[in-house]
Amino acid sequence: MLYTVRPLERIYATPRTKETLKKEQKEREEAQYREVTLPHGRIVTRQQGEDYIIERIHSTDMSDYLNSDYSPGSSYKQQ
């Protein structure tokens, strides 16, 4: 049994080397981000090829967080 306040993802994750950290930083710098306005907030999308992937959502309407169209990691259809 393991009793800890640390998230299990941090404990059991594979250690990242300097090379992988540099690669992740480079990918973040090269990524194209775009904000899309919603009626009660906004979502932040990242371009991946021809598609836009939802990164995060900021909204004052709680039903937006339950909407599967706005869930992080899903593809956002341009309108």
PDB file of N, CA and C in Angstrom:
ATOM      1  N   MET A   1       0.820  -1.166   0.000  1.00  0.00           N
ATOM      2  CA  MET A   1       0.000   0.000   0.000  1.00  0.00           C
ATOM      3  C   MET A   1       0.872   1.240   0.000  1.00  0.00           C
ATOM      4  N   LEU A   2       0.434   2.210  -0.744  1.00  0.00           N
ATOM      5  CA  LEU A   2       1.194   3.446  -0.843  1.00  0.00           C
ATOM      6  C   LEU A   2       0.303   4.598  -0.419  1.00  0.00           C
ATOM      7  N   TYR A   3       0.651   5.251   0.684  1.00  0.00           N
ATOM      8  CA  TYR A   3      -0.097   6.395   1.174  1.00  0.00           C
ATOM      9  C   TYR A   3       0.697   7.655   0.851  1.00  0.00           C
ATOM     10  N   THR A   4       0.138   8.480   0.000  1.00  0.00           N
ATOM     11  CA  THR A   4       0.831   9.697  -0.396  1.00  0.00           C
ATOM     12  C   THR A   4      -0.173  10.737  -0.862  1.00  0.00           C
ATOM     13  N   VAL A   5       0.231  11.997  -0.809  1.00  0.00           N
ATOM     14  CA  VAL A   5      -0.614  13.076  -1.319  1.00  0.00           C
ATOM     15  C   VAL A   5      -0.265  13.402  -2.767  1.00  0.00           C
ATOM     16  N   ARG A   6       0.802  12.814  -3.258  1.00  0.00           N
ATOM     17  CA  ARG A   6       1.206  13.052  -4.645  1.00  0.00           C
ATOM     18  C   ARG A   6       0.315  12.271  -5.598  1.00  0.00           C
ATOM     19  N   PRO A   7      -0.003  12.845  -6.746  1.00  0.00           N
ATOM     20  CA  PRO A   7      -0.807  12.105  -7.728  1.00  0.00           C
ATOM     21  C   PRO A   7      -0.050  10.869  -8.221  1.00  0.00           C
ATOM     22  N   LEU A   8      -0.793   9.798  -8.429  1.00  0.00           N
ATOM     23  CA  LEU A   8      -0.168   8.551  -8.868  1.00  0.00           C
ATOM     24  C   LEU A   8       0.503   8.696 -10.229  1.00  0.00           C
ATOM     25  N   GLU A   9       0.002   9.619 -11.070  1.00  0.00           N
ATOM     26  CA  GLU A   9       0.622   9.843 -12.373  1.00  0.00           C
ATOM     27  C   GLU A   9       2.064  10.328 -12.225  1.00  0.00           C
ATOM     28  N   ARG A  10       2.322  11.092 -11.174  1.00  0.00           N
ATOM     29  CA  ARG A  10       3.684  11.589 -10.954  1.00  0.00           C
ATOM     30  C   ARG A  10       4.582  10.506 -10.374  1.00  0.00           C
ATOM     31  N   ILE A  11       4.024   9.628  -9.589  1.00  0.00           N
ATOM     32  CA  ILE A  11       4.829   8.582  -8.957  1.00  0.00           C
ATOM     33  C   ILE A  11       5.209   7.504  -9.962  1.00  0.00           C
ATOM     34  N   TYR A  12       4.243   7.062 -10.764  1.00  0.00           N
ATOM     35  CA  TYR A  12       4.474   5.953 -11.675  1.00  0.00           C
ATOM     36  C   TYR A  12       4.869   6.371 -13.086  1.00  0.00           C
ATOM     37  N   ALA A  13       5.035   7.643 -13.319  1.00  0.00           N
ATOM     38  CA  ALA A  13       5.429   8.117 -14.644  1.00  0.00           C
ATOM     39  C   ALA A  13       6.892   7.780 -14.913  1.00  0.00           C
ATOM     40  N   THR A  14       7.200   7.576 -16.184  1.00  0.00           N
ATOM     41  CA  THR A  14       8.593   7.342 -16.537  1.00  0.00           C
ATOM     42  C   THR A  14       9.348   8.665 -16.423  1.00  0.00           C
ATOM     43  N   PRO A  15      10.551   8.626 -15.894  1.00  0.00           N
ATOM     44  CA  PRO A  15      11.300   9.871 -15.742  1.00  0.00           C
ATOM     45  C   PRO A  15      11.625  10.486 -17.103  1.00  0.00           C
ATOM     46  N   ARG A  16      11.500  11.799 -17.149  1.00  0.00           N
ATOM     47  CA  ARG A  16      11.794  12.497 -18.400  1.00  0.00           C
ATOM     48  C   ARG A  16      13.246  12.966 -18.391  1.00  0.00           C
ATOM     49  N   THR A  17      13.910  12.747 -19.512  1.00  0.00           N
ATOM     50  CA  THR A  17      15.299  13.170 -19.636  1.00  0.00           C
ATOM     51  C   THR A  17      15.352  14.592 -20.180  1.00  0.00           C
ATOM     52  N   LYS A  18      16.537  15.156 -20.209  1.00  0.00           N
ATOM     53  CA  LYS A  18      16.696  16.509 -20.738  1.00  0.00           C
ATOM     54  C   LYS A  18      16.295  16.581 -22.204  1.00  0.00           C
ATOM     55  N   GLU A  19      16.577  15.520 -22.952  1.00  0.00           N
ATOM     56  CA  GLU A  19      16.233  15.506 -24.378  1.00  0.00           C
ATOM     57  C   GLU A  19      14.723  15.532 -24.577  1.00  0.00           C
ATOM     58  N   THR A  20      13.998  14.732 -23.787  1.00  0.00           N
ATOM     59  CA  THR A  20      12.540  14.720 -23.944  1.00  0.00           C
ATOM     60  C   THR A  20      11.924  16.034 -23.483  1.00  0.00           C
ATOM     61  N   LEU A  21      12.498  16.648 -22.455  1.00  0.00           N
ATOM     62  CA  LEU A  21      12.001  17.953 -22.010  1.00  0.00           C
ATOM     63  C   LEU A  21      12.207  19.014 -23.082  1.00  0.00           C
ATOM     64  N   LYS A  22      13.378  18.986 -23.739  1.00  0.00           N
ATOM     65  CA  LYS A  22      13.645  19.940 -24.810  1.00  0.00           C
ATOM     66  C   LYS A  22      12.693  19.722 -25.983  1.00  0.00           C
ATOM     67  N   LYS A  23      12.434  18.449 -26.297  1.00  0.00           N
ATOM     68  CA  LYS A  23      11.527  18.125 -27.394  1.00  0.00           C
ATOM     69  C   LYS A  23      10.106  18.610 -27.089  1.00  0.00           C
ATOM     70  N   GLU A  24       9.642  18.392 -25.864  1.00  0.00           N
ATOM     71  CA  GLU A  24       8.308  18.850 -25.468  1.00  0.00           C
ATOM     72  C   GLU A  24       8.216  20.371 -25.510  1.00  0.00           C
ATOM     73  N   GLN A  25       9.257  21.056 -25.056  1.00  0.00           N
ATOM     74  CA  GLN A  25       9.276  22.520 -25.081  1.00  0.00           C
ATOM     75  C   GLN A  25       9.223  23.036 -26.516  1.00  0.00           C
ATOM     76  N   LYS A  26       9.979  22.391 -27.402  1.00  0.00           N
ATOM     77  CA  LYS A  26       9.997  22.800 -28.807  1.00  0.00           C
ATOM     78  C   LYS A  26       8.621  22.603 -29.437  1.00  0.00           C
ATOM     79  N   GLU A  27       7.960  21.481 -29.125  1.00  0.00           N
ATOM     80  CA  GLU A  27       6.624  21.231 -29.660  1.00  0.00           C
ATOM     81  C   GLU A  27       5.627  22.264 -29.161  1.00  0.00           C
ATOM     82  N   ARG A  28       5.738  22.651 -27.882  1.00  0.00           N
ATOM     83  CA  ARG A  28       4.845  23.674 -27.334  1.00  0.00           C
ATOM     84  C   ARG A  28       5.066  25.025 -28.001  1.00  0.00           C
ATOM     85  N   GLU A  29       6.320  25.367 -28.281  1.00  0.00           N
ATOM     86  CA  GLU A  29       6.624  26.652 -28.912  1.00  0.00           C
ATOM     87  C   GLU A  29       6.146  26.692 -30.355  1.00  0.00           C
ATOM     88  N   GLU A  30       6.204  25.550 -31.048  1.00  0.00           N
ATOM     89  CA  GLU A  30       5.805  25.507 -32.452  1.00  0.00           C
ATOM     90  C   GLU A  30       4.298  25.384 -32.629  1.00  0.00           C
ATOM     91  N   ALA A  31       3.587  24.971 -31.596  1.00  0.00           N
ATOM     92  CA  ALA A  31       2.148  24.753 -31.708  1.00  0.00           C
ATOM     93  C   ALA A  31       1.417  26.076 -31.927  1.00  0.00           C
ATOM     94  N   GLN A  32       0.394  26.034 -32.750  1.00  0.00           N
ATOM     95  CA  GLN A  32      -0.437  27.198 -33.038  1.00  0.00           C
ATOM     96  C   GLN A  32      -1.685  27.102 -32.156  1.00  0.00           C
ATOM     97  N   TYR A  33      -1.883  28.072 -31.284  1.00  0.00           N
ATOM     98  CA  TYR A  33      -3.042  28.087 -30.405  1.00  0.00           C
ATOM     99  C   TYR A  33      -4.047  29.120 -30.898  1.00  0.00           C
ATOM    100  N   ARG A  34      -5.315  28.848 -30.623  1.00  0.00           N
ATOM    101  CA  ARG A  34      -6.378  29.738 -31.059  1.00  0.00           C
ATOM    102  C   ARG A  34      -7.484  29.708 -30.008  1.00  0.00           C
ATOM    103  N   GLU A  35      -8.008  30.887 -29.657  1.00  0.00           N
ATOM    104  CA  GLU A  35      -9.116  30.966 -28.716  1.00  0.00           C
ATOM    105  C   GLU A  35     -10.416  31.097 -29.487  1.00  0.00           C
ATOM    106  N   VAL A  36     -11.415  30.339 -29.053  1.00  0.00           N
ATOM    107  CA  VAL A  36     -12.737  30.367 -29.668  1.00  0.00           C
ATOM    108  C   VAL A  36     -13.715  30.853 -28.615  1.00  0.00           C
ATOM    109  N   THR A  37     -14.495  31.864 -28.944  1.00  0.00           N
ATOM    110  CA  THR A  37     -15.446  32.433 -28.010  1.00  0.00           C
ATOM    111  C   THR A  37     -16.740  31.624 -27.992  1.00  0.00           C
ATOM    112  N   LEU A  38     -17.186  31.312 -26.786  1.00  0.00           N
ATOM    113  CA  LEU A  38     -18.457  30.628 -26.564  1.00  0.00           C
ATOM    114  C   LEU A  38     -19.458  31.654 -26.025  1.00  0.00           C
ATOM    115  N   PRO A  39     -20.732  31.326 -25.976  1.00  0.00           N
ATOM    116  CA  PRO A  39     -21.690  32.281 -25.419  1.00  0.00           C
ATOM    117  C   PRO A  39     -21.400  32.676 -23.969  1.00  0.00           C
ATOM    118  N   HIS A  40     -20.824  31.751 -23.169  1.00  0.00           N
ATOM    119  CA  HIS A  40     -20.574  32.035 -21.760  1.00  0.00           C
ATOM    120  C   HIS A  40     -19.105  31.923 -21.391  1.00  0.00           C
ATOM    121  N   GLY A  41     -18.207  31.888 -22.349  1.00  0.00           N
ATOM    122  CA  GLY A  41     -16.788  31.745 -22.041  1.00  0.00           C
ATOM    123  C   GLY A  41     -15.977  31.548 -23.297  1.00  0.00           C
ATOM    124  N   ARG A  42     -14.959  30.684 -23.211  1.00  0.00           N
ATOM    125  CA  ARG A  42     -14.091  30.436 -24.361  1.00  0.00           C
ATOM    126  C   ARG A  42     -13.408  29.086 -24.218  1.00  0.00           C
ATOM    127  N   ILE A  43     -12.914  28.568 -25.331  1.00  0.00           N
ATOM    128  CA  ILE A  43     -12.088  27.371 -25.327  1.00  0.00           C
ATOM    129  C   ILE A  43     -10.778  27.708 -26.034  1.00  0.00           C
ATOM    130  N   VAL A  44      -9.721  27.029 -25.636  1.00  0.00           N
ATOM    131  CA  VAL A  44      -8.409  27.211 -26.254  1.00  0.00           C
ATOM    132  C   VAL A  44      -8.117  25.953 -27.061  1.00  0.00           C
ATOM    133  N   THR A  45      -7.813  26.137 -28.339  1.00  0.00           N
ATOM    134  CA  THR A  45      -7.536  25.004 -29.218  1.00  0.00           C
ATOM    135  C   THR A  45      -6.097  25.073 -29.720  1.00  0.00           C
ATOM    136  N   ARG A  46      -5.561  23.902 -30.056  1.00  0.00           N
ATOM    137  CA  ARG A  46      -4.211  23.778 -30.599  1.00  0.00           C
ATOM    138  C   ARG A  46      -4.313  23.125 -31.961  1.00  0.00           C
ATOM    139  N   GLN A  47      -3.645  23.710 -32.951  1.00  0.00           N
ATOM    140  CA  GLN A  47      -3.701  23.146 -34.295  1.00  0.00           C
ATOM    141  C   GLN A  47      -2.788  21.933 -34.376  1.00  0.00           C
ATOM    142  N   GLN A  48      -3.354  20.854 -34.926  1.00  0.00           N
ATOM    143  CA  GLN A  48      -2.598  19.621 -35.148  1.00  0.00           C
ATOM    144  C   GLN A  48      -2.942  19.148 -36.546  1.00  0.00           C
ATOM    145  N   GLY A  49      -2.072  19.450 -37.485  1.00  0.00           N
ATOM    146  CA  GLY A  49      -2.360  19.149 -38.880  1.00  0.00           C
ATOM    147  C   GLY A  49      -3.472  20.061 -39.380  1.00  0.00           C
ATOM    148  N   GLU A  50      -4.514  19.472 -39.918  1.00  0.00           N
ATOM    149  CA  GLU A  50      -5.662  20.239 -40.395  1.00  0.00           C
ATOM    150  C   GLU A  50      -6.698  20.462 -39.303  1.00  0.00           C
ATOM    151  N   ASP A  51      -6.603  19.697 -38.216  1.00  0.00           N
ATOM    152  CA  ASP A  51      -7.604  19.751 -37.153  1.00  0.00           C
ATOM    153  C   ASP A  51      -7.176  20.677 -36.028  1.00  0.00           C
ATOM    154  N   TYR A  52      -8.150  21.063 -35.217  1.00  0.00           N
ATOM    155  CA  TYR A  52      -7.893  21.796 -33.984  1.00  0.00           C
ATOM    156  C   TYR A  52      -8.320  20.910 -32.825  1.00  0.00           C
ATOM    157  N   ILE A  53      -7.434  20.732 -31.846  1.00  0.00           N
ATOM    158  CA  ILE A  53      -7.692  19.913 -30.671  1.00  0.00           C
ATOM    159  C   ILE A  53      -7.948  20.848 -29.492  1.00  0.00           C
ATOM    160  N   ILE A  54      -8.991  20.570 -28.722  1.00  0.00           N
ATOM    161  CA  ILE A  54      -9.335  21.411 -27.579  1.00  0.00           C
ATOM    162  C   ILE A  54      -8.344  21.153 -26.452  1.00  0.00           C
ATOM    163  N   GLU A  55      -7.710  22.216 -25.985  1.00  0.00           N
ATOM    164  CA  GLU A  55      -6.742  22.128 -24.892  1.00  0.00           C
ATOM    165  C   GLU A  55      -7.400  22.397 -23.546  1.00  0.00           C
ATOM    166  N   ARG A  56      -8.186  23.482 -23.443  1.00  0.00           N
ATOM    167  CA  ARG A  56      -8.836  23.813 -22.176  1.00  0.00           C
ATOM    168  C   ARG A  56     -10.096  24.616 -22.426  1.00  0.00           C
ATOM    169  N   ILE A  57     -10.919  24.682 -21.411  1.00  0.00           N
ATOM    170  CA  ILE A  57     -12.179  25.403 -21.490  1.00  0.00           C
ATOM    171  C   ILE A  57     -12.290  26.341 -20.296  1.00  0.00           C
ATOM    172  N   HIS A  58     -12.779  27.556 -20.551  1.00  0.00           N
ATOM    173  CA  HIS A  58     -13.044  28.550 -19.514  1.00  0.00           C
ATOM    174  C   HIS A  58     -14.470  29.027 -19.750  1.00  0.00           C
ATOM    175  N   SER A  59     -15.351  28.750 -18.810  1.00  0.00           N
ATOM    176  CA  SER A  59     -16.746  29.128 -18.998  1.00  0.00           C
ATOM    177  C   SER A  59     -17.397  29.389 -17.650  1.00  0.00           C
ATOM    178  N   THR A  60     -18.399  30.272 -17.645  1.00  0.00           N
ATOM    179  CA  THR A  60     -19.179  30.517 -16.438  1.00  0.00           C
ATOM    180  C   THR A  60     -20.434  29.651 -16.399  1.00  0.00           C
ATOM    181  N   ASP A  61     -20.732  28.969 -17.503  1.00  0.00           N
ATOM    182  CA  ASP A  61     -21.889  28.086 -17.573  1.00  0.00           C
ATOM    183  C   ASP A  61     -21.424  26.648 -17.319  1.00  0.00           C
ATOM    184  N   MET A  62     -21.875  26.056 -16.236  1.00  0.00           N
ATOM    185  CA  MET A  62     -21.426  24.715 -15.857  1.00  0.00           C
ATOM    186  C   MET A  62     -21.832  23.648 -16.877  1.00  0.00           C
ATOM    187  N   SER A  63     -22.886  23.870 -17.635  1.00  0.00           N
ATOM    188  CA  SER A  63     -23.296  22.878 -18.634  1.00  0.00           C
ATOM    189  C   SER A  63     -22.293  22.790 -19.779  1.00  0.00           C
ATOM    190  N   ASP A  64     -21.478  23.832 -19.997  1.00  0.00           N
ATOM    191  CA  ASP A  64     -20.429  23.767 -21.023  1.00  0.00           C
ATOM    192  C   ASP A  64     -19.388  22.711 -20.677  1.00  0.00           C
ATOM    193  N   TYR A  65     -19.116  22.530 -19.385  1.00  0.00           N
ATOM    194  CA  TYR A  65     -18.126  21.531 -18.960  1.00  0.00           C
ATOM    195  C   TYR A  65     -18.635  20.112 -19.173  1.00  0.00           C
ATOM    196  N   LEU A  66     -19.963  19.921 -19.195  1.00  0.00           N
ATOM    197  CA  LEU A  66     -20.547  18.603 -19.422  1.00  0.00           C
ATOM    198  C   LEU A  66     -20.798  18.336 -20.898  1.00  0.00           C
ATOM    199  N   ASN A  67     -20.671  19.346 -21.735  1.00  0.00           N
ATOM    200  CA  ASN A  67     -20.888  19.202 -23.170  1.00  0.00           C
ATOM    201  C   ASN A  67     -19.700  18.446 -23.776  1.00  0.00           C
ATOM    202  N   SER A  68     -19.977  17.308 -24.398  1.00  0.00           N
ATOM    203  CA  SER A  68     -18.896  16.492 -24.965  1.00  0.00           C
ATOM    204  C   SER A  68     -18.213  17.172 -26.153  1.00  0.00           C
ATOM    205  N   ASP A  69     -18.866  18.152 -26.771  1.00  0.00           N
ATOM    206  CA  ASP A  69     -18.240  18.879 -27.885  1.00  0.00           C
ATOM    207  C   ASP A  69     -17.078  19.746 -27.417  1.00  0.00           C
ATOM    208  N   TYR A  70     -17.057  20.122 -26.142  1.00  0.00           N
ATOM    209  CA  TYR A  70     -16.026  21.001 -25.607  1.00  0.00           C
ATOM    210  C   TYR A  70     -15.029  20.280 -24.705  1.00  0.00           C
ATOM    211  N   SER A  71     -15.041  18.955 -24.673  1.00  0.00           N
ATOM    212  CA  SER A  71     -14.153  18.237 -23.763  1.00  0.00           C
ATOM    213  C   SER A  71     -12.706  18.291 -24.269  1.00  0.00           C
ATOM    214  N   PRO A  72     -11.744  18.548 -23.365  1.00  0.00           N
ATOM    215  CA  PRO A  72     -10.340  18.610 -23.759  1.00  0.00           C
ATOM    216  C   PRO A  72      -9.875  17.299 -24.389  1.00  0.00           C
ATOM    217  N   GLY A  73      -9.101  17.439 -25.455  1.00  0.00           N
ATOM    218  CA  GLY A  73      -8.596  16.281 -26.183  1.00  0.00           C
ATOM    219  C   GLY A  73      -9.434  15.934 -27.386  1.00  0.00           C
ATOM    220  N   SER A  74     -10.641  16.478 -27.473  1.00  0.00           N
ATOM    221  CA  SER A  74     -11.484  16.165 -28.621  1.00  0.00           C
ATOM    222  C   SER A  74     -11.217  17.154 -29.745  1.00  0.00           C
ATOM    223  N   SER A  75     -11.604  16.778 -30.936  1.00  0.00           N
ATOM    224  CA  SER A  75     -11.396  17.609 -32.114  1.00  0.00           C
ATOM    225  C   SER A  75     -12.482  18.673 -32.181  1.00  0.00           C
ATOM    226  N   TYR A  76     -12.102  19.903 -32.497  1.00  0.00           N
ATOM    227  CA  TYR A  76     -13.053  21.001 -32.590  1.00  0.00           C
ATOM    228  C   TYR A  76     -13.352  21.265 -34.063  1.00  0.00           C
ATOM    229  N   LYS A  77     -14.599  21.272 -34.399  1.00  0.00           N
ATOM    230  CA  LYS A  77     -15.027  21.540 -35.767  1.00  0.00           C
ATOM    231  C   LYS A  77     -15.115  23.039 -35.983  1.00  0.00           C
ATOM    232  N   GLN A  78     -14.404  23.547 -36.965  1.00  0.00           N
ATOM    233  CA  GLN A  78     -14.430  24.972 -37.289  1.00  0.00           C
ATOM    234  C   GLN A  78     -15.804  25.345 -37.828  1.00  0.00           C
ATOM    235  N   GLN A  79     -16.303  26.487 -37.409  1.00  0.00           N
ATOM    236  CA  GLN A  79     -17.618  26.924 -37.869  1.00  0.00           C
ATOM    237  C   GLN A  79     -17.514  28.182 -38.689  1.00  0.00           C
TER     238      GLN A  79
END
